[in-house]
């Protein structure tokens, strides 16, 4: 293994040299590079159990994290206000991303980015991706933004207090404090400026909220709660959608309905800024957590409708069984891989319609059992 890794590093060093990386940087990066078996273990681990969105939010938008976020917002007020003024992203959103990514800088990982990406480039599932990120990391070193020993983060290569991949760092990191380096590890001005720049470039629209909890009208067609169905808030209101506690709907030109726990759970109307958060981390639960955490940090309300906590989440193998059963009954849901995606969601919806159920596309144990009945 070690011999193969050493040969791979030598080959990659030549590739990086040809791409213009300097010899001093190559020596610093690779003379003491280490293969990290734990990184491969983590990369290959695919959890069998999936987490319900309410369990995820219980942990990520906890009372402690809200209180810490309010304290941290006061501590970094100058840096976060400057970033908000320059890029149009509200302070509470920036602090919420910081809280989600590294618990306000207290835990952003201690793994060498170079070692992690070299390991993944040599043996990982996404070797081509890892090689591209490793080359980006070398460019960061070559520019002098950070030293090799200080370039640390997660086992998967995300770096610094708001967890930028090296390619994202090259594209979006900014030197806000004017010291000539983009430092998302130690400079709060650079952390907040870089995060705000990322979101602004991802399509953040200044002056708009991320979304809001809403009440759906009786008889609402839950199949319309889909990211691809976007229309103005006025159109949604004409269909009977209402804000909570008599509040007006946020004014979106292209809002979509989000039902993160299906027809029995809370409903949200989300707009372009929710989609900008998704470009930071393409997980609906993550984007919802950022939005809700920012709302609470700013003194707003939490989720008001109850979560369907009695629903059992499908394990990965149960999800594959669901996909197989849907396919067998003629409701195409793609390859049975145990991962919920658009094809599976549409297959679930089509089956639900055929059975006279709310077509929310939400997979449950009850639905699986129903499908498996002869």
Protein backbone atom coordinates (compact mmCIF):
# COMPACT_ATOMS: atom_id res chain seq x y z
CA UNK A 1 0.00 0.00 0.00
CA UNK A 2 2.68 2.50 1.05
CA UNK A 3 4.75 1.81 -2.08
CA UNK A 4 1.74 2.40 -4.28
CA UNK A 5 0.93 5.62 -2.45
CA UNK A 6 4.52 6.82 -2.80
CA UNK A 7 4.43 6.17 -6.56
CA UNK A 8 1.08 7.93 -6.86
CA UNK A 9 2.42 10.98 -5.04
CA UNK A 10 5.46 11.09 -7.33
CA UNK A 11 3.21 10.99 -10.39
CA UNK A 12 0.91 13.65 -8.99
CA UNK A 13 3.88 15.84 -8.10
CA UNK A 14 4.87 15.77 -11.77
CA UNK A 15 1.33 16.66 -12.80
CA UNK A 16 1.25 19.57 -10.34
CA UNK A 17 4.66 20.78 -11.52
CA UNK A 18 3.38 20.80 -15.09
CA UNK A 19 0.39 22.84 -13.88
CA UNK A 20 2.73 25.52 -12.60
CA UNK A 21 3.06 24.68 -8.90
CA UNK A 22 6.45 25.80 -7.56
CA UNK A 23 9.11 23.41 -6.28
CA UNK A 24 9.12 24.88 -2.77
CA UNK A 25 5.38 24.26 -2.51
CA UNK A 26 5.73 20.70 -3.84
CA UNK A 27 8.43 19.95 -1.28
CA UNK A 28 6.39 21.41 1.58
CA UNK A 29 3.29 19.52 0.50
CA UNK A 30 4.70 16.12 -0.36
CA UNK A 31 8.06 15.51 1.33
CA UNK A 32 6.27 14.32 4.49
CA UNK A 33 2.85 13.46 3.05
CA UNK A 34 1.04 10.66 4.88
CA UNK A 35 -1.46 8.05 3.74
CA UNK A 36 -4.42 8.13 6.17
CA UNK A 37 -6.27 4.76 6.33
CA UNK A 38 -9.00 6.29 8.53
CA UNK A 39 -9.95 8.67 5.71
CA UNK A 40 -10.66 5.72 3.41
CA UNK A 41 -12.69 3.99 6.13
CA UNK A 42 -14.83 7.10 6.56
CA UNK A 43 -15.15 7.58 2.80
CA UNK A 44 -16.44 4.04 2.32
CA UNK A 45 -18.80 4.06 5.29
CA UNK A 46 -22.38 4.44 4.14
CA UNK A 47 -24.68 4.70 7.16
CA UNK A 48 -27.53 2.21 7.25
CA UNK A 49 -29.72 4.41 9.41
CA UNK A 50 -30.99 7.73 8.14
CA UNK A 51 -31.78 10.57 10.50
CA UNK A 52 -35.24 12.10 10.63
CA UNK A 53 -35.24 15.83 9.85
CA UNK A 54 -36.67 16.61 13.32
CA UNK A 55 -33.85 14.69 15.02
CA UNK A 56 -31.32 16.55 12.87
CA UNK A 57 -32.86 19.91 13.75
CA UNK A 58 -33.02 19.01 17.46
CA UNK A 59 -29.23 18.73 17.38
CA UNK A 60 -28.31 21.53 14.99
CA UNK A 61 -30.81 24.18 16.14
CA UNK A 62 -30.58 23.38 19.85
CA UNK A 63 -31.17 25.92 22.61
CA UNK A 64 -27.43 25.89 23.36
CA UNK A 65 -26.47 26.57 19.75
CA UNK A 66 -29.01 29.40 19.52
CA UNK A 67 -27.70 31.01 22.72
CA UNK A 68 -24.08 30.54 21.62
CA UNK A 69 -24.93 32.06 18.24
CA UNK A 70 -26.41 35.14 19.86
CA UNK A 71 -23.27 35.54 22.00
CA UNK A 72 -20.96 34.96 19.03
CA UNK A 73 -22.87 37.48 16.92
CA UNK A 74 -22.09 40.13 19.53
CA UNK A 75 -18.41 39.07 19.65
CA UNK A 76 -17.88 39.32 15.88
CA UNK A 77 -20.31 42.19 15.29
CA UNK A 78 -17.80 44.40 13.47
CA UNK A 79 -16.60 41.70 11.06
CA UNK A 80 -20.05 40.27 10.36
CA UNK A 81 -21.67 43.68 9.85
CA UNK A 82 -18.94 44.64 7.38
CA UNK A 83 -19.46 41.41 5.42
CA UNK A 84 -23.24 41.90 5.46
CA UNK A 85 -22.94 45.48 4.20
CA UNK A 86 -20.60 44.50 1.38
CA UNK A 87 -22.39 41.36 0.15
CA UNK A 88 -26.00 41.76 1.26
CA UNK A 89 -26.13 38.58 3.35
CA UNK A 90 -27.64 39.14 6.83
CA UNK A 91 -25.39 38.77 9.89
CA UNK A 92 -27.57 36.06 11.43
CA UNK A 93 -27.28 33.90 8.28
CA UNK A 94 -23.47 34.20 8.32
CA UNK A 95 -23.29 33.30 12.01
CA UNK A 96 -25.70 30.38 11.45
CA UNK A 97 -23.49 28.94 8.69
CA UNK A 98 -20.49 29.36 11.02
CA UNK A 99 -22.41 27.55 13.76
CA UNK A 100 -23.46 24.72 11.48
CA UNK A 101 -20.05 24.20 9.90
CA UNK A 102 -17.74 24.32 12.92
CA UNK A 103 -19.86 25.10 16.00
CA UNK A 104 -18.64 28.69 15.84
CA UNK A 105 -15.03 27.78 15.19
CA UNK A 106 -14.70 25.31 18.05
CA UNK A 107 -14.50 22.23 15.80
CA UNK A 108 -13.47 22.54 12.17
CA UNK A 109 -11.35 19.41 12.05
CA UNK A 110 -7.68 18.68 12.64
CA UNK A 111 -6.90 16.56 9.57
CA UNK A 112 -4.20 17.75 7.17
CA UNK A 113 -5.99 18.78 3.97
CA UNK A 114 -3.05 17.70 1.82
CA UNK A 115 -2.84 14.27 3.49
CA UNK A 116 -6.61 13.73 3.29
CA UNK A 117 -6.91 14.68 -0.39
CA UNK A 118 -3.79 12.74 -1.39
CA UNK A 119 -5.25 9.67 0.33
CA UNK A 120 -8.62 10.11 -1.41
CA UNK A 121 -6.92 10.79 -4.75
CA UNK A 122 -4.93 7.57 -4.43
CA UNK A 123 -7.69 5.24 -3.28
CA UNK A 124 -11.01 7.02 -2.74
CA UNK A 125 -14.36 6.51 -4.43
CA UNK A 126 -14.08 9.94 -6.05
CA UNK A 127 -10.45 9.90 -7.10
CA UNK A 128 -10.81 12.39 -9.97
CA UNK A 129 -12.63 14.85 -7.73
CA UNK A 130 -9.99 14.48 -5.00
CA UNK A 131 -7.15 15.07 -7.47
CA UNK A 132 -8.81 18.29 -8.61
CA UNK A 133 -9.24 19.46 -5.02
CA UNK A 134 -5.64 18.52 -4.19
CA UNK A 135 -4.35 20.63 -7.08
CA UNK A 136 -6.52 23.51 -5.82
CA UNK A 137 -5.02 23.06 -2.33
CA UNK A 138 -1.52 23.27 -3.80
CA UNK A 139 -2.45 26.53 -5.53
CA UNK A 140 -3.57 27.92 -2.18
CA UNK A 141 -0.21 26.96 -0.64
CA UNK A 142 1.62 28.37 -3.65
CA UNK A 143 -0.12 31.73 -3.23
CA UNK A 144 0.89 31.88 0.42
CA UNK A 145 -2.60 32.12 1.89
CA UNK A 146 -1.82 29.47 4.51
CA UNK A 147 1.05 27.17 5.45
CA UNK A 148 0.88 23.41 4.93
CA UNK A 149 0.74 22.61 8.66
CA UNK A 150 -2.06 25.11 9.26
CA UNK A 151 -4.16 23.90 6.31
CA UNK A 152 -6.45 21.63 8.31
CA UNK A 153 -10.09 20.63 8.27
CA UNK A 154 -12.36 17.63 7.88
CA UNK A 155 -11.31 14.18 6.67
CA UNK A 156 -13.08 14.94 3.36
CA UNK A 157 -11.00 18.01 2.56
CA UNK A 158 -13.27 20.85 3.74
CA UNK A 159 -11.22 23.56 5.43
CA UNK A 160 -11.46 26.28 8.01
CA UNK A 161 -14.19 27.74 10.15
CA UNK A 162 -16.89 27.62 7.47
CA UNK A 163 -15.57 24.50 5.73
CA UNK A 164 -14.59 25.53 2.20
CA UNK A 165 -13.30 22.91 -0.18
CA UNK A 166 -10.07 24.08 -1.83
CA UNK A 167 -11.83 24.76 -5.17
CA UNK A 168 -14.44 26.88 -3.35
CA UNK A 169 -11.66 28.68 -1.51
CA UNK A 170 -9.99 29.61 -4.81
CA UNK A 171 -13.31 30.82 -6.22
CA UNK A 172 -14.83 32.63 -3.24
CA UNK A 173 -12.38 33.28 -0.39
CA UNK A 174 -11.52 36.96 0.09
CA UNK A 175 -8.84 38.87 1.97
CA UNK A 176 -11.08 41.14 4.00
CA UNK A 177 -8.60 42.24 6.66
CA UNK A 178 -6.06 43.42 4.05
CA UNK A 179 -3.07 41.39 5.24
CA UNK A 180 -2.48 39.89 1.79
CA UNK A 181 -3.74 36.41 2.75
CA UNK A 182 -7.15 34.77 2.63
CA UNK A 183 -7.30 33.16 6.05
CA UNK A 184 -10.54 31.27 6.84
CA UNK A 185 -8.85 29.57 9.79
CA UNK A 186 -7.75 32.49 11.96
CA UNK A 187 -9.17 35.78 10.61
CA UNK A 188 -12.84 36.38 11.44
CA UNK A 189 -12.96 39.18 8.87
CA UNK A 190 -11.84 36.72 6.18
CA UNK A 191 -14.17 33.96 7.48
CA UNK A 192 -17.25 36.18 7.34
CA UNK A 193 -16.29 37.97 4.13
CA UNK A 194 -15.55 34.71 2.32
CA UNK A 195 -18.78 33.06 3.48
CA UNK A 196 -20.83 36.10 2.47
CA UNK A 197 -19.10 36.24 -0.92
CA UNK A 198 -19.87 32.55 -1.52
CA UNK A 199 -23.57 33.04 -0.77
CA UNK A 200 -23.78 36.25 -2.79
CA UNK A 201 -22.19 34.53 -5.79
CA UNK A 202 -24.57 31.58 -5.25
CA UNK A 203 -27.49 33.91 -5.92
CA UNK A 204 -28.34 35.42 -2.53
CA UNK A 205 -30.86 38.24 -2.97
CA UNK A 206 -30.37 41.07 -0.48
CA UNK A 207 -33.42 42.08 1.49
CA UNK A 208 -35.24 38.77 1.04
CA UNK A 209 -35.75 36.11 3.71
CA UNK A 210 -34.73 32.49 3.12
CA UNK A 211 -38.35 31.41 3.56
CA UNK A 212 -41.09 31.09 6.13
CA UNK A 213 -43.28 28.48 7.76
CA UNK A 214 -46.75 28.48 6.19
CA UNK A 215 -50.20 26.92 6.51
CA UNK A 216 -51.45 24.88 3.57
CA UNK A 217 -55.11 25.15 2.59
CA UNK A 218 -57.50 22.20 3.02
CA UNK A 219 -57.34 19.85 0.05
CA UNK A 220 -53.90 21.07 -1.03
CA UNK A 221 -52.29 18.79 -3.64
CA UNK A 222 -49.12 17.74 -1.81
CA UNK A 223 -47.48 16.76 -5.10
CA UNK A 224 -47.12 20.50 -5.72
CA UNK A 225 -44.61 20.65 -2.88
CA UNK A 226 -41.66 20.12 -5.17
CA UNK A 227 -38.52 22.21 -5.85
CA UNK A 228 -39.35 22.27 -9.56
CA UNK A 229 -42.73 23.95 -8.99
CA UNK A 230 -42.05 27.64 -8.44
CA UNK A 231 -44.46 30.55 -8.58
CA UNK A 232 -45.02 33.95 -7.02
CA UNK A 233 -46.19 34.34 -3.45
CA UNK A 234 -49.32 36.03 -4.81
CA UNK A 235 -50.10 32.88 -6.81
CA UNK A 236 -49.57 30.68 -3.76
CA UNK A 237 -51.78 33.00 -1.72
CA UNK A 238 -54.49 32.75 -4.37
CA UNK A 239 -54.42 28.98 -3.83
CA UNK A 240 -55.08 29.51 -0.11
CA UNK A 241 -51.54 29.43 1.31
CA UNK A 242 -51.26 31.52 4.50
CA UNK A 243 -48.50 32.76 6.75
CA UNK A 244 -48.34 31.63 10.38
CA UNK A 245 -50.27 33.71 12.94
CA UNK A 246 -51.74 35.92 10.25
CA UNK A 247 -48.33 37.02 8.97
CA UNK A 248 -48.12 37.91 5.26
CA UNK A 249 -46.25 35.52 3.00
CA UNK A 250 -42.70 36.54 2.09
CA UNK A 251 -42.70 38.20 -1.33
CA UNK A 252 -41.09 35.76 -3.74
CA UNK A 253 -41.24 35.83 -7.52
CA UNK A 254 -40.44 32.11 -7.58
CA UNK A 255 -41.24 30.46 -4.28
CA UNK A 256 -41.55 26.71 -3.77
CA UNK A 257 -43.30 24.66 -1.09
CA UNK A 258 -41.09 22.48 1.11
CA UNK A 259 -42.52 19.56 3.12
CA UNK A 260 -39.41 18.14 4.81
CA UNK A 261 -41.43 15.53 6.75
CA UNK A 262 -44.23 14.90 4.29
CA UNK A 263 -47.89 15.86 4.49
CA UNK A 264 -48.09 15.40 8.28
CA UNK A 265 -45.24 17.78 9.09
CA UNK A 266 -44.63 21.53 8.90
CA UNK A 267 -44.75 23.34 5.55
CA UNK A 268 -42.42 26.10 4.36
CA UNK A 269 -42.44 28.55 1.47
CA UNK A 270 -38.81 28.96 0.34
CA UNK A 271 -37.24 31.29 -2.17
CA UNK A 272 -33.97 32.04 -3.98
CA UNK A 273 -31.98 32.46 -0.76
CA UNK A 274 -32.87 28.95 0.38
CA UNK A 275 -31.51 27.72 -2.95
CA UNK A 276 -28.33 29.77 -2.37
CA UNK A 277 -27.81 27.94 0.95
CA UNK A 278 -28.31 24.65 -0.91
CA UNK A 279 -25.39 25.59 -3.17
CA UNK A 280 -23.26 25.87 -0.03
CA UNK A 281 -24.34 22.40 1.08
CA UNK A 282 -26.78 20.47 -1.10
CA UNK A 283 -28.92 19.07 1.71
CA UNK A 284 -32.47 20.25 2.34
CA UNK A 285 -32.13 19.50 6.06
CA UNK A 286 -28.91 21.56 6.20
CA UNK A 287 -30.43 24.55 4.39
CA UNK A 288 -33.50 24.41 6.62
CA UNK A 289 -31.27 24.27 9.70
CA UNK A 290 -29.30 27.34 8.58
CA UNK A 291 -32.52 29.24 7.94
CA UNK A 292 -34.12 28.27 11.25
CA UNK A 293 -30.93 28.82 13.28
CA UNK A 294 -30.50 32.29 11.78
CA UNK A 295 -34.14 33.05 12.56
CA UNK A 296 -33.69 32.04 16.21
CA UNK A 297 -30.36 33.88 16.56
CA UNK A 298 -32.14 37.03 15.35
CA UNK A 299 -34.83 36.55 18.01
CA UNK A 300 -37.49 35.00 15.79
CA UNK A 301 -39.75 32.02 16.35
CA UNK A 302 -38.95 28.37 15.86
CA UNK A 303 -41.04 25.84 13.95
CA UNK A 304 -44.62 26.01 15.19
CA UNK A 305 -46.35 23.03 13.56
CA UNK A 306 -45.55 19.67 15.21
CA UNK A 307 -43.21 17.18 13.60
CA UNK A 308 -44.59 13.64 13.02
CA UNK A 309 -42.20 12.12 15.54
CA UNK A 310 -44.06 8.81 15.55
CA UNK A 311 -42.99 8.08 11.96
CA UNK A 312 -40.18 5.54 11.66
CA UNK A 313 -37.48 6.47 9.15
CA UNK A 314 -36.54 3.87 6.56
CA UNK A 315 -33.07 2.40 6.80
CA UNK A 316 -30.94 2.32 3.67
CA UNK A 317 -31.79 -1.34 3.01
CA UNK A 318 -35.50 -0.69 3.61
CA UNK A 319 -35.34 2.19 1.12
CA UNK A 320 -33.86 -0.22 -1.44
CA UNK A 321 -36.74 -2.61 -0.70
CA UNK A 322 -39.20 0.24 -1.24
CA UNK A 323 -37.58 1.11 -4.57
CA UNK A 324 -37.68 -2.55 -5.65
CA UNK A 325 -41.35 -2.87 -4.69
CA UNK A 326 -42.25 0.33 -6.55
CA UNK A 327 -40.43 -0.86 -9.67
CA UNK A 328 -42.14 -4.24 -9.51
CA UNK A 329 -45.55 -2.58 -9.36
CA UNK A 330 -44.79 -0.36 -12.33
CA UNK A 331 -44.00 2.84 -10.44
CA UNK A 332 -40.51 3.52 -11.80
CA UNK A 333 -38.19 4.75 -9.07
CA UNK A 334 -34.75 4.16 -10.55
CA UNK A 335 -32.05 1.73 -9.49
CA UNK A 336 -32.70 0.32 -5.98
CA UNK A 337 -29.69 1.93 -4.28
CA UNK A 338 -31.25 2.85 -0.95
CA UNK A 339 -30.88 6.59 -1.64
CA UNK A 340 -33.90 8.86 -1.90
CA UNK A 341 -33.76 10.94 -5.08
CA UNK A 342 -36.15 12.66 -7.51
CA UNK A 343 -36.99 9.42 -9.38
CA UNK A 344 -37.89 7.61 -6.15
CA UNK A 345 -39.89 10.58 -4.91
CA UNK A 346 -41.90 10.62 -8.14
CA UNK A 347 -42.41 6.84 -7.97
CA UNK A 348 -43.72 7.17 -4.41
CA UNK A 349 -46.06 9.98 -5.47
CA UNK A 350 -47.50 7.98 -8.35
CA UNK A 351 -48.14 5.01 -6.05
CA UNK A 352 -49.69 7.27 -3.40
CA UNK A 353 -52.07 8.76 -5.96
CA UNK A 354 -53.07 5.28 -7.12
CA UNK A 355 -53.84 4.32 -3.52
CA UNK A 356 -55.75 7.51 -2.70
CA UNK A 357 -53.07 8.77 -0.30
CA UNK A 358 -51.64 12.32 -0.01
CA UNK A 359 -49.05 12.43 -2.81
CA UNK A 360 -46.26 13.98 -0.76
CA UNK A 361 -43.53 11.62 -2.04
CA UNK A 362 -42.46 10.91 1.53
CA UNK A 363 -41.30 7.32 2.17
CA UNK A 364 -42.49 5.69 5.39
CA UNK A 365 -42.39 2.22 6.92
CA UNK A 366 -46.19 2.05 6.61
CA UNK A 367 -45.89 2.74 2.87
CA UNK A 368 -43.25 0.02 2.47
CA UNK A 369 -45.40 -2.51 4.32
CA UNK A 370 -48.37 -1.59 2.18
CA UNK A 371 -46.35 -2.07 -1.01
CA UNK A 372 -45.09 -5.47 0.15
CA UNK A 373 -48.57 -6.87 0.78
CA UNK A 374 -49.58 -9.45 -1.84
